[in-house]
Amino acid sequence: MNMDEKQVFRHVDSQMKPNYVLWGILGVVLVAWIFPVYAQQQPANEQWIRPKDEKDAALWGIKGGIVFSLWPYGVESGKGIYGGGPRGLIRIGTEEDGRFYLINFLAIEPVVKGKMEFSEISPSKVDGHWGKLLWAAASENATAFSPLANTRGVITHPLPNRPEVEELSVYILMEQYMSGAYPYLRLSIRNDRPEEIGVQIFNRPDSEPMNYCHITATMGNYARLRQLQLKNQVIDAREIYKGYTGIDFIEKEPYPTTAFIRSKRGDYFVFATGNENLETLRQWPNDSLARKKSNWQYRPMVKFTQYWRKEPAMDYPGLQIRVNGRYRYWSGGSRNPAHYMAIPGGAAFENFELREPYVAGQQVFFGISKQNPDKILKQFDGENSN
């Protein structure tokens, strides 16, 4: 742990509410030595991946399905403390045969008075560095930051007529944004839908009114997502961004609700997939820049379909599909083109999200599935798909 990182646990900014007190030295000591092998924590018959207690690493999920963690912990096996990427992001991955793989990040992007703020680059009020502090709790009332788990998560039975269905839920709380936006989330996973996570959005009473609060999957380049599968068409990143070779994001117009794929029961879907087979996806160049960027090399032993879903409704006014792309991997905000490696195979979608006007309690579902889009849709066609 370097000196900048230690500041997060040692200082409380006077702008923060008095009850937002960092755990302090105790938190640092605990973080320094607590990072167990997650798979070994669970009883043989336990389907849920959960912290063993509130002082454990901040990682939750379900065996054979989706997992998520919070800074400073990484999702991937062996990554440990500070192995999980930037602050201000929810790490999303999967568990496969006892191994954990990072697949994407979720960022929280509230819009106040037409101006959007980004959770991973908005400065913390604690130390002024990029990235809002996020922490977990069993309810929305916990207001003290801790880098540790804080909660094992709450298990409930959401369907009274199906007692075998369990749901693991965790609240994700965060600092107030510079704009005054003050959102918080409830994340949930159901054992009958182990490949998706529900994201429900709320706000504190003293939040500035939010026009939107986008939840964006912000690392599509890792899986080289190039195909946006919509109703009656497939959008290819290499075609719509053809000719662009710069270091910045490139973006076109969003797609309206009429472009969504619908399941037979009425769910709204949009899918993002890669165009390469697994062998090609896992290949990596061997030049000096590629060796420096080896964290972008695809590591899982299976390809995944990533998707967003909204539950059936008569209408979602203003709902849109938004993507942007990159020709070169992100390189920490540097403006030097020499620091940016071209993505093998061409441009890919980086940010992938649904956008809709903010209403407290609205919910979206993000999926990382081994199934193709047709098979995913069929899971929501049966009478037991509530």
Protein backbone atom coordinates (compact mmCIF):
# COMPACT_ATOMS: atom_id res chain seq x y z
CA MET A 1 0.00 0.00 0.00
CA ASN A 2 1.51 3.34 -1.02
CA MET A 3 1.22 6.64 0.82
CA ASP A 4 -1.56 7.98 -1.42
CA GLU A 5 -3.70 4.92 -0.77
CA LYS A 6 -3.14 5.14 2.98
CA GLN A 7 -4.57 8.64 2.98
CA VAL A 8 -7.99 7.22 2.12
CA PHE A 9 -8.12 5.41 5.44
CA ARG A 10 -6.52 8.15 7.56
CA HIS A 11 -8.34 11.35 6.65
CA VAL A 12 -11.91 12.59 6.81
CA ASP A 13 -12.64 15.69 4.78
CA SER A 14 -14.53 18.43 6.58
CA GLN A 15 -16.97 18.67 3.67
CA MET A 16 -18.31 15.20 4.37
CA LYS A 17 -21.14 14.68 6.82
CA PRO A 18 -19.88 14.12 10.39
CA ASN A 19 -21.22 10.55 10.45
CA TYR A 20 -19.10 9.60 7.42
CA VAL A 21 -16.04 8.57 9.44
CA LEU A 22 -13.35 6.39 7.90
CA TRP A 23 -12.54 3.30 9.87
CA GLY A 24 -8.95 4.50 10.29
CA ILE A 25 -5.91 2.55 11.32
CA LEU A 26 -7.90 -0.54 12.26
CA GLY A 27 -9.24 -0.72 8.71
CA VAL A 28 -5.75 -0.46 7.27
CA VAL A 29 -4.42 -3.25 9.45
CA LEU A 30 -7.33 -5.52 8.63
CA VAL A 31 -7.11 -4.84 4.91
CA ALA A 32 -3.40 -5.61 4.99
CA TRP A 33 -3.82 -9.18 6.15
CA ILE A 34 -7.38 -10.25 5.26
CA PHE A 35 -7.69 -11.60 1.73
CA PRO A 36 -8.76 -15.27 1.90
CA VAL A 37 -9.15 -17.69 -0.94
CA TYR A 38 -12.86 -17.19 -1.50
CA ALA A 39 -13.72 -20.63 -2.77
CA GLN A 40 -12.26 -22.25 0.33
CA GLN A 41 -14.47 -20.18 2.63
CA GLN A 42 -17.68 -21.79 1.47
CA PRO A 43 -19.19 -25.06 2.72
CA ALA A 44 -19.33 -27.73 0.04
CA ASN A 45 -23.10 -27.33 -0.38
CA GLU A 46 -23.15 -23.53 -0.22
CA GLN A 47 -24.25 -21.92 -3.49
CA TRP A 48 -23.60 -18.36 -2.37
CA ILE A 49 -20.18 -16.71 -2.39
CA ARG A 50 -20.23 -14.45 0.66
CA PRO A 51 -17.80 -12.88 3.14
CA LYS A 52 -17.39 -15.08 6.22
CA ASP A 53 -18.06 -12.03 8.42
CA GLU A 54 -18.24 -8.25 8.25
CA LYS A 55 -14.44 -7.90 8.46
CA ASP A 56 -13.78 -10.11 5.45
CA ALA A 57 -13.03 -9.09 1.85
CA ALA A 58 -15.79 -7.24 0.01
CA LEU A 59 -16.85 -9.89 -2.52
CA TRP A 60 -20.25 -11.53 -3.14
CA GLY A 61 -21.80 -13.75 -5.79
CA ILE A 62 -23.00 -17.21 -6.68
CA LYS A 63 -21.07 -20.32 -7.68
CA GLY A 64 -21.05 -20.88 -11.42
CA GLY A 65 -22.39 -17.39 -11.99
CA ILE A 66 -21.86 -13.71 -11.43
CA VAL A 67 -19.70 -12.17 -8.70
CA PHE A 68 -18.98 -8.58 -7.70
CA SER A 69 -16.56 -6.78 -5.42
CA LEU A 70 -15.62 -3.29 -4.25
CA TRP A 71 -12.33 -1.41 -4.12
CA PRO A 72 -9.78 -2.11 -2.80
CA TYR A 73 -10.48 -5.78 -3.50
CA GLY A 74 -10.18 -7.41 -6.90
CA VAL A 75 -12.54 -10.04 -8.24
CA GLU A 76 -9.93 -12.24 -9.85
CA SER A 77 -8.28 -15.14 -8.02
CA GLY A 78 -4.92 -14.11 -6.66
CA LYS A 79 -5.39 -10.38 -7.23
CA GLY A 80 -5.95 -9.51 -3.58
CA ILE A 81 -5.80 -5.99 -2.21
CA TYR A 82 -5.49 -3.23 -4.81
CA GLY A 83 -5.76 -5.79 -7.57
CA GLY A 84 -9.17 -4.69 -8.71
CA GLY A 85 -8.61 -1.63 -10.82
CA PRO A 86 -9.76 1.98 -10.34
CA ARG A 87 -11.68 3.27 -7.35
CA GLY A 88 -15.30 4.28 -7.83
CA LEU A 89 -16.27 1.19 -9.84
CA ILE A 90 -18.09 -2.03 -9.01
CA ARG A 91 -16.03 -4.99 -10.22
CA ILE A 92 -18.16 -7.58 -12.07
CA GLY A 93 -16.96 -11.07 -12.88
CA THR A 94 -17.78 -14.76 -12.88
CA GLU A 95 -16.88 -17.87 -10.93
CA GLU A 96 -15.88 -20.90 -13.00
CA ASP A 97 -14.70 -24.14 -11.36
CA GLY A 98 -13.33 -22.38 -8.31
CA ARG A 99 -11.62 -19.59 -10.29
CA PHE A 100 -12.72 -15.96 -10.39
CA TYR A 101 -12.47 -13.83 -13.52
CA LEU A 102 -13.00 -10.09 -13.90
CA ILE A 103 -15.19 -9.33 -16.94
CA ASN A 104 -16.32 -5.72 -16.62
CA PHE A 105 -16.81 -2.73 -14.34
CA LEU A 106 -20.02 -0.88 -13.51
CA ALA A 107 -19.78 2.89 -13.10
CA ILE A 108 -22.44 5.17 -11.56
CA GLU A 109 -23.02 8.36 -13.55
CA PRO A 110 -25.65 10.75 -12.16
CA VAL A 111 -26.81 13.70 -14.26
CA VAL A 112 -27.77 16.93 -12.46
CA LYS A 113 -28.95 19.99 -14.41
CA GLY A 114 -27.81 18.31 -17.59
CA LYS A 115 -24.23 17.69 -16.40
CA MET A 116 -22.96 14.12 -15.97
CA GLU A 117 -20.44 13.10 -13.30
CA PHE A 118 -18.38 9.91 -13.46
CA SER A 119 -17.88 7.77 -10.35
CA GLU A 120 -14.40 6.58 -11.35
CA ILE A 121 -12.93 10.03 -12.12
CA SER A 122 -14.98 12.35 -9.92
CA PRO A 123 -12.66 13.37 -7.05
CA SER A 124 -13.30 12.00 -3.59
CA LYS A 125 -14.07 14.55 -0.90
CA VAL A 126 -11.77 12.60 1.40
CA ASP A 127 -8.44 12.80 -0.42
CA GLY A 128 -9.16 14.67 -3.66
CA HIS A 129 -8.06 11.73 -5.79
CA TRP A 130 -10.07 10.22 -8.64
CA GLY A 131 -12.83 7.80 -7.68
CA LYS A 132 -15.73 7.99 -5.28
CA LEU A 133 -15.56 5.79 -2.19
CA LEU A 134 -18.11 2.96 -2.38
CA TRP A 135 -18.96 0.63 0.48
CA ALA A 136 -21.39 -2.17 1.24
CA ALA A 137 -24.09 -2.49 3.88
CA ALA A 138 -27.06 -4.66 4.79
CA SER A 139 -29.38 -1.63 4.61
CA GLU A 140 -29.42 1.91 3.24
CA ASN A 141 -28.93 3.33 6.75
CA ALA A 142 -25.25 2.42 7.20
CA THR A 143 -23.30 5.64 6.68
CA ALA A 144 -19.72 4.84 7.78
CA PHE A 145 -17.18 3.97 5.09
CA SER A 146 -15.16 0.81 5.54
CA PRO A 147 -12.94 -0.97 3.01
CA LEU A 148 -14.12 -4.31 4.40
CA ALA A 149 -17.27 -6.29 3.67
CA ASN A 150 -19.48 -4.78 6.42
CA THR A 151 -22.15 -7.36 5.60
CA ARG A 152 -22.45 -10.91 4.37
CA GLY A 153 -25.45 -9.80 2.34
CA VAL A 154 -29.10 -10.51 3.01
CA ILE A 155 -30.74 -13.68 1.67
CA THR A 156 -34.49 -13.58 1.06
CA HIS A 157 -37.15 -15.54 -0.85
CA PRO A 158 -38.57 -13.04 -3.39
CA LEU A 159 -41.27 -15.33 -4.83
CA PRO A 160 -43.81 -16.60 -2.26
CA ASN A 161 -44.98 -19.38 -4.59
CA ARG A 162 -41.41 -20.59 -5.27
CA PRO A 163 -39.62 -21.10 -1.95
CA GLU A 164 -36.60 -22.65 -3.69
CA VAL A 165 -35.74 -19.28 -5.22
CA GLU A 166 -33.30 -17.28 -3.08
CA GLU A 167 -31.98 -13.77 -3.58
CA LEU A 168 -28.75 -12.34 -2.18
CA SER A 169 -28.80 -8.56 -1.85
CA VAL A 170 -26.31 -5.90 -0.76
CA TYR A 171 -26.68 -2.13 -0.56
CA ILE A 172 -23.88 -0.10 -2.15
CA LEU A 173 -23.48 3.32 -0.58
CA MET A 174 -21.26 6.13 -1.80
CA GLU A 175 -20.02 9.65 -1.26
CA GLN A 176 -22.10 12.58 -2.39
CA TYR A 177 -21.07 13.80 -5.83
CA MET A 178 -19.66 17.27 -6.51
CA SER A 179 -22.93 18.15 -8.27
CA GLY A 180 -24.92 17.33 -5.13
CA ALA A 181 -26.21 14.04 -6.54
CA TYR A 182 -26.45 11.48 -3.76
CA PRO A 183 -27.41 8.06 -5.17
CA TYR A 184 -27.11 4.63 -3.64
CA LEU A 185 -27.76 1.16 -5.06
CA ARG A 186 -29.21 -2.19 -4.11
CA LEU A 187 -27.48 -5.07 -5.92
CA SER A 188 -29.17 -8.47 -6.06
CA ILE A 189 -28.58 -11.94 -7.50
CA ARG A 190 -31.19 -14.70 -7.72
CA ASN A 191 -30.17 -18.35 -7.66
CA ASP A 192 -32.50 -19.16 -10.56
CA ARG A 193 -30.76 -16.46 -12.64
CA PRO A 194 -27.13 -16.87 -11.61
CA GLU A 195 -25.73 -15.07 -14.67
CA GLU A 196 -27.25 -11.65 -14.02
CA ILE A 197 -27.21 -8.98 -11.35
CA GLY A 198 -30.04 -6.59 -10.53
CA VAL A 199 -29.14 -2.94 -9.99
CA GLN A 200 -31.77 -0.81 -8.25
CA ILE A 201 -31.15 2.93 -7.91
CA PHE A 202 -32.24 5.22 -5.08
CA ASN A 203 -31.24 8.63 -3.73
CA ARG A 204 -30.68 10.22 -0.32
CA PRO A 205 -33.28 12.80 0.81
CA ASP A 206 -30.71 15.61 0.52
CA SER A 207 -29.65 14.70 -3.02
CA GLU A 208 -29.91 17.27 -5.75
CA PRO A 209 -32.62 16.19 -8.21
CA MET A 210 -31.10 13.81 -10.76
CA ASN A 211 -32.22 13.91 -14.38
CA TYR A 212 -30.62 10.51 -14.93
CA CYS A 213 -28.45 8.07 -13.02
CA HIS A 214 -26.74 5.91 -15.61
CA ILE A 215 -25.23 2.55 -14.72
CA THR A 216 -22.69 1.78 -17.41
CA ALA A 217 -20.63 -1.32 -18.14
CA THR A 218 -17.40 0.45 -18.88
CA MET A 219 -14.79 -2.13 -19.97
CA GLY A 220 -16.17 -3.76 -23.12
CA ASN A 221 -12.76 -3.58 -24.80
CA TYR A 222 -11.49 -6.34 -22.51
CA ALA A 223 -13.83 -8.89 -24.13
CA ARG A 224 -13.59 -7.02 -27.46
CA LEU A 225 -17.33 -6.55 -27.73
CA ARG A 226 -17.95 -5.57 -31.35
CA GLN A 227 -21.50 -6.69 -32.06
CA LEU A 228 -24.48 -4.83 -30.63
CA GLN A 229 -27.45 -7.09 -31.22
CA LEU A 230 -30.67 -5.15 -31.67
CA LYS A 231 -34.09 -5.92 -33.06
CA ASN A 232 -33.65 -6.94 -36.72
CA GLN A 233 -30.04 -5.73 -36.96
CA VAL A 234 -26.52 -6.20 -35.64
CA ILE A 235 -24.38 -3.08 -35.23
CA ASP A 236 -20.65 -3.73 -35.82
CA ALA A 237 -18.21 -1.40 -34.03
CA ARG A 238 -15.67 -1.77 -36.84
CA GLU A 239 -18.19 -0.47 -39.35
CA ILE A 240 -19.74 2.46 -37.46
CA TYR A 241 -16.32 3.66 -36.25
CA LYS A 242 -14.57 2.90 -39.54
CA GLY A 243 -11.66 5.22 -40.26
CA TYR A 244 -11.15 6.32 -36.66
CA THR A 245 -7.71 5.51 -35.20
CA GLY A 246 -7.41 8.10 -32.41
CA ILE A 247 -6.86 7.68 -28.66
CA ASP A 248 -10.22 9.01 -27.47
CA PHE A 249 -13.71 7.58 -27.17
CA ILE A 250 -15.84 7.78 -30.29
CA GLU A 251 -19.61 7.91 -30.11
CA LYS A 252 -22.65 7.94 -32.38
CA GLU A 253 -26.31 8.54 -31.62
CA PRO A 254 -28.06 6.26 -29.05
CA TYR A 255 -30.73 3.78 -30.13
CA PRO A 256 -34.39 4.18 -29.10
CA THR A 257 -36.69 1.76 -27.30
CA THR A 258 -38.01 0.49 -30.63
CA ALA A 259 -34.56 -1.01 -31.31
CA PHE A 260 -34.73 -3.32 -28.28
CA ILE A 261 -35.18 -7.06 -28.59
CA ARG A 262 -38.24 -8.28 -26.64
CA SER A 263 -38.74 -11.64 -24.98
CA LYS A 264 -42.11 -13.37 -25.37
CA ARG A 265 -43.15 -12.19 -21.92
CA GLY A 266 -42.12 -8.61 -22.74
CA ASP A 267 -38.62 -8.10 -21.28
CA TYR A 268 -36.49 -5.48 -23.04
CA PHE A 269 -33.02 -6.76 -24.03
CA VAL A 270 -29.88 -5.50 -25.70
CA PHE A 271 -26.93 -7.85 -26.20
CA ALA A 272 -23.22 -7.19 -26.78
CA THR A 273 -21.05 -9.99 -28.13
CA GLY A 274 -17.59 -10.50 -29.58
CA ASN A 275 -16.84 -11.50 -33.17
CA GLU A 276 -13.82 -13.73 -32.45
CA ASN A 277 -13.53 -17.33 -31.38
CA LEU A 278 -12.01 -18.03 -27.98
CA GLU A 279 -8.59 -18.97 -29.34
CA THR A 280 -8.27 -15.69 -31.24
CA LEU A 281 -9.64 -13.67 -28.34
CA ARG A 282 -7.02 -15.07 -25.97
CA GLN A 283 -4.09 -14.44 -28.34
CA TRP A 284 -1.88 -11.47 -27.51
CA PRO A 285 0.94 -9.66 -29.32
CA ASN A 286 4.49 -9.87 -27.98
CA ASP A 287 5.86 -6.38 -28.66
CA SER A 288 7.03 -4.11 -25.83
CA LEU A 289 3.80 -2.06 -25.64
CA ALA A 290 1.64 -5.20 -25.58
CA ARG A 291 3.69 -6.59 -22.71
CA LYS A 292 3.03 -3.39 -20.75
CA LYS A 293 -0.69 -3.70 -21.51
CA SER A 294 -0.97 -7.41 -20.71
CA ASN A 295 -3.75 -6.70 -18.17
CA TRP A 296 -6.02 -6.27 -21.21
CA GLN A 297 -5.34 -9.83 -22.40
CA TYR A 298 -8.49 -11.95 -22.11
CA ARG A 299 -8.08 -14.58 -19.39
CA PRO A 300 -11.31 -16.63 -18.99
CA MET A 301 -11.58 -20.02 -20.69
CA VAL A 302 -15.02 -19.23 -22.13
CA LYS A 303 -16.64 -16.40 -24.09
CA PHE A 304 -19.61 -14.53 -22.65
CA THR A 305 -22.63 -12.66 -23.91
CA GLN A 306 -23.08 -9.41 -22.00
CA TYR A 307 -26.53 -7.85 -21.85
CA TRP A 308 -28.84 -5.34 -20.24
CA ARG A 309 -32.44 -6.21 -19.43
CA LYS A 310 -35.51 -4.31 -18.29
CA GLU A 311 -38.51 -6.16 -16.92
CA PRO A 312 -41.80 -6.12 -18.86
CA ALA A 313 -43.76 -2.88 -18.83
CA MET A 314 -46.23 -1.12 -21.06
CA ASP A 315 -43.67 1.56 -21.82
CA TYR A 316 -40.39 3.07 -20.62
CA PRO A 317 -40.46 6.69 -21.77
CA GLY A 318 -37.03 7.86 -22.85
CA LEU A 319 -35.32 4.46 -22.57
CA GLN A 320 -32.30 4.25 -24.88
CA ILE A 321 -29.34 2.01 -25.71
CA ARG A 322 -26.05 3.88 -25.60
CA VAL A 323 -22.57 2.67 -26.57
CA ASN A 324 -19.28 4.32 -27.32
CA GLY A 325 -16.14 2.80 -28.77
CA ARG A 326 -12.39 2.87 -28.75
CA TYR A 327 -9.77 1.95 -31.32
CA ARG A 328 -7.06 1.85 -28.66
CA TYR A 329 -7.15 0.59 -25.09
CA TRP A 330 -7.63 3.16 -22.34
CA SER A 331 -4.33 4.31 -20.89
CA GLY A 332 -5.15 6.23 -17.73
CA GLY A 333 -5.90 9.61 -19.25
CA SER A 334 -2.49 10.15 -20.90
CA ARG A 335 -2.52 12.32 -24.03
CA ASN A 336 0.59 10.64 -25.46
CA PRO A 337 -0.48 8.37 -28.38
CA ALA A 338 2.61 6.21 -27.78
CA HIS A 339 1.00 5.00 -24.54
CA TYR A 340 -2.06 3.62 -26.34
CA MET A 341 -2.11 0.12 -27.84
CA ALA A 342 -4.38 -0.59 -30.79
CA ILE A 343 -7.06 -3.17 -29.94
CA PRO A 344 -6.34 -6.40 -31.84
CA GLY A 345 -8.93 -6.82 -34.58
CA GLY A 346 -10.10 -3.22 -34.64
CA ALA A 347 -12.44 -0.90 -32.76
CA ALA A 348 -14.75 -2.33 -30.09
CA PHE A 349 -17.51 -1.03 -27.83
CA GLU A 350 -16.21 0.22 -24.49
CA ASN A 351 -19.17 1.73 -22.60
CA PHE A 352 -22.44 -0.19 -22.89
CA GLU A 353 -25.56 0.96 -21.04
CA LEU A 354 -29.28 1.65 -20.89
CA ARG A 355 -30.35 5.23 -20.28
CA GLU A 356 -33.69 6.36 -18.92
CA PRO A 357 -34.97 9.36 -16.95
CA TYR A 358 -34.36 8.84 -13.24
CA VAL A 359 -37.17 7.59 -11.02
CA ALA A 360 -36.30 6.44 -7.50
CA GLY A 361 -36.35 2.65 -7.26
CA GLN A 362 -35.90 1.97 -10.98
CA GLN A 363 -34.07 -1.24 -11.75
CA VAL A 364 -31.95 -2.68 -14.54
CA PHE A 365 -30.33 -6.10 -14.88
CA PHE A 366 -26.83 -6.75 -16.21
CA GLY A 367 -25.92 -10.20 -17.44
CA ILE A 368 -22.71 -12.09 -18.18
CA SER A 369 -23.85 -15.36 -19.73
CA LYS A 370 -22.24 -18.38 -21.36
CA GLN A 371 -25.40 -18.68 -23.48
CA ASN A 372 -26.04 -16.99 -26.82
CA PRO A 373 -28.80 -14.35 -27.05
CA ASP A 374 -31.43 -16.79 -28.37
CA LYS A 375 -30.98 -19.13 -25.39
CA ILE A 376 -31.01 -16.22 -22.96
CA LEU A 377 -34.32 -15.01 -24.38
CA LYS A 378 -35.85 -18.47 -23.98
CA GLN A 379 -35.14 -18.35 -20.24
CA PHE A 380 -37.68 -15.54 -19.97
CA ASP A 381 -40.42 -17.15 -22.06
CA GLY A 382 -41.68 -19.76 -19.59
CA GLU A 383 -44.36 -19.37 -16.96
CA ASN A 384 -41.75 -19.74 -14.18
CA SER A 385 -39.67 -16.80 -15.39
CA ASN A 386 -41.11 -14.24 -12.91
